[in-house]
Amino acid sequence: MAAKERVGVVVSNKMDKTMVVAIENRSAHPRYGKTVVRTKRYKVHDEENKCKEGDRVRIIETRPLSRTKCWELSEIISSKFT
């Protein structure tokens, strides 16, 4: 079984070696057809503290690293200031 991957935007990097990534899920409402945006926030392990707020990143599922953290940084897709 392959590990899950997600792509999202860093919304907070104030913790040491941890960042919060927001993943948007857009889907059509079952009855009305309007696009509904649902956001889920994941705590992600960032060993070198190299991500900044606004960066678009790919994260990958891993073993539990703490009570709330079971994802780690795979790659930085695009940086906000580059």
Protein backbone atom coordinates (compact mmCIF):
# COMPACT_ATOMS: atom_id res chain seq x y z
CA MET A 1 0.00 0.00 0.00
CA ALA A 2 1.45 3.35 -1.06
CA ALA A 3 1.68 6.27 1.34
CA LYS A 4 -0.89 9.04 0.88
CA GLU A 5 0.23 12.31 -0.68
CA ARG A 6 -1.41 15.73 -0.50
CA VAL A 7 -0.63 19.17 -1.96
CA GLY A 8 -1.43 22.30 0.02
CA VAL A 9 -0.34 25.71 1.26
CA VAL A 10 1.65 26.44 4.43
CA VAL A 11 -0.51 28.59 6.72
CA SER A 12 1.72 28.58 9.83
CA ASN A 13 5.38 27.80 10.57
CA LYS A 14 5.71 29.21 14.08
CA MET A 15 6.50 25.87 15.72
CA ASP A 16 9.95 24.28 15.75
CA LYS A 17 10.23 21.59 13.02
CA THR A 18 6.46 21.67 12.53
CA MET A 19 4.23 23.58 10.14
CA VAL A 20 0.51 23.65 9.44
CA VAL A 21 -0.60 22.93 5.87
CA ALA A 22 -4.11 23.68 4.62
CA ILE A 23 -5.53 21.32 2.00
CA GLU A 24 -8.54 22.51 -0.02
CA ASN A 25 -11.11 20.00 -1.22
CA ARG A 26 -13.51 21.31 -3.87
CA SER A 27 -16.59 19.23 -4.61
CA ALA A 28 -20.05 19.76 -6.02
CA HIS A 29 -22.94 19.85 -3.56
CA PRO A 30 -24.98 16.63 -4.06
CA ARG A 31 -28.33 18.39 -4.43
CA TYR A 32 -27.63 21.97 -5.55
CA GLY A 33 -24.51 21.48 -7.66
CA LYS A 34 -22.71 24.51 -6.21
CA THR A 35 -18.97 24.07 -5.66
CA VAL A 36 -18.28 23.68 -1.94
CA VAL A 37 -14.77 24.31 -0.60
CA ARG A 38 -13.76 22.36 2.50
CA THR A 39 -10.39 23.01 4.15
CA LYS A 40 -8.50 20.54 6.33
CA ARG A 41 -5.37 21.47 8.25
CA TYR A 42 -2.53 19.01 8.82
CA LYS A 43 0.47 19.31 11.15
CA VAL A 44 3.55 18.43 9.11
CA HIS A 45 7.13 17.62 10.13
CA ASP A 46 9.68 20.00 8.58
CA GLU A 47 13.10 18.86 9.80
CA GLU A 48 15.12 21.86 8.53
CA ASN A 49 12.48 24.59 9.11
CA LYS A 50 12.88 25.62 5.46
CA CYS A 51 9.22 26.32 4.61
CA LYS A 52 7.66 29.77 4.88
CA GLU A 53 4.02 30.81 5.03
CA GLY A 54 2.44 30.84 1.58
CA ASP A 55 4.68 28.09 0.12
CA ARG A 56 2.95 25.38 -1.89
CA VAL A 57 4.18 21.98 -0.66
CA ARG A 58 3.70 18.26 -1.17
CA ILE A 59 3.34 16.21 2.02
CA ILE A 60 3.46 12.46 2.53
CA GLU A 61 1.97 10.28 5.25
CA THR A 62 4.38 8.71 7.74
CA ARG A 63 4.36 6.99 11.12
CA PRO A 64 3.00 9.05 14.04
CA LEU A 65 5.67 11.52 15.16
CA SER A 66 3.59 13.05 17.97
CA ARG A 67 -0.01 13.06 19.14
CA THR A 68 -1.19 15.21 16.22
CA LYS A 69 1.61 14.88 13.65
CA CYS A 70 1.76 11.99 11.15
CA TRP A 71 2.76 13.80 7.93
CA GLU A 72 6.16 14.95 6.70
CA LEU A 73 7.39 17.34 4.03
CA SER A 74 8.10 15.67 0.69
CA GLU A 75 8.99 18.70 -1.45
CA ILE A 76 8.44 22.42 -1.87
CA ILE A 77 6.56 22.90 -5.14
CA SER A 78 6.71 26.70 -5.24
CA SER A 79 7.89 29.37 -2.84
CA LYS A 80 5.91 32.54 -2.25
CA PHE A 81 8.92 34.85 -2.54
CA THR A 82 10.89 33.15 -5.32
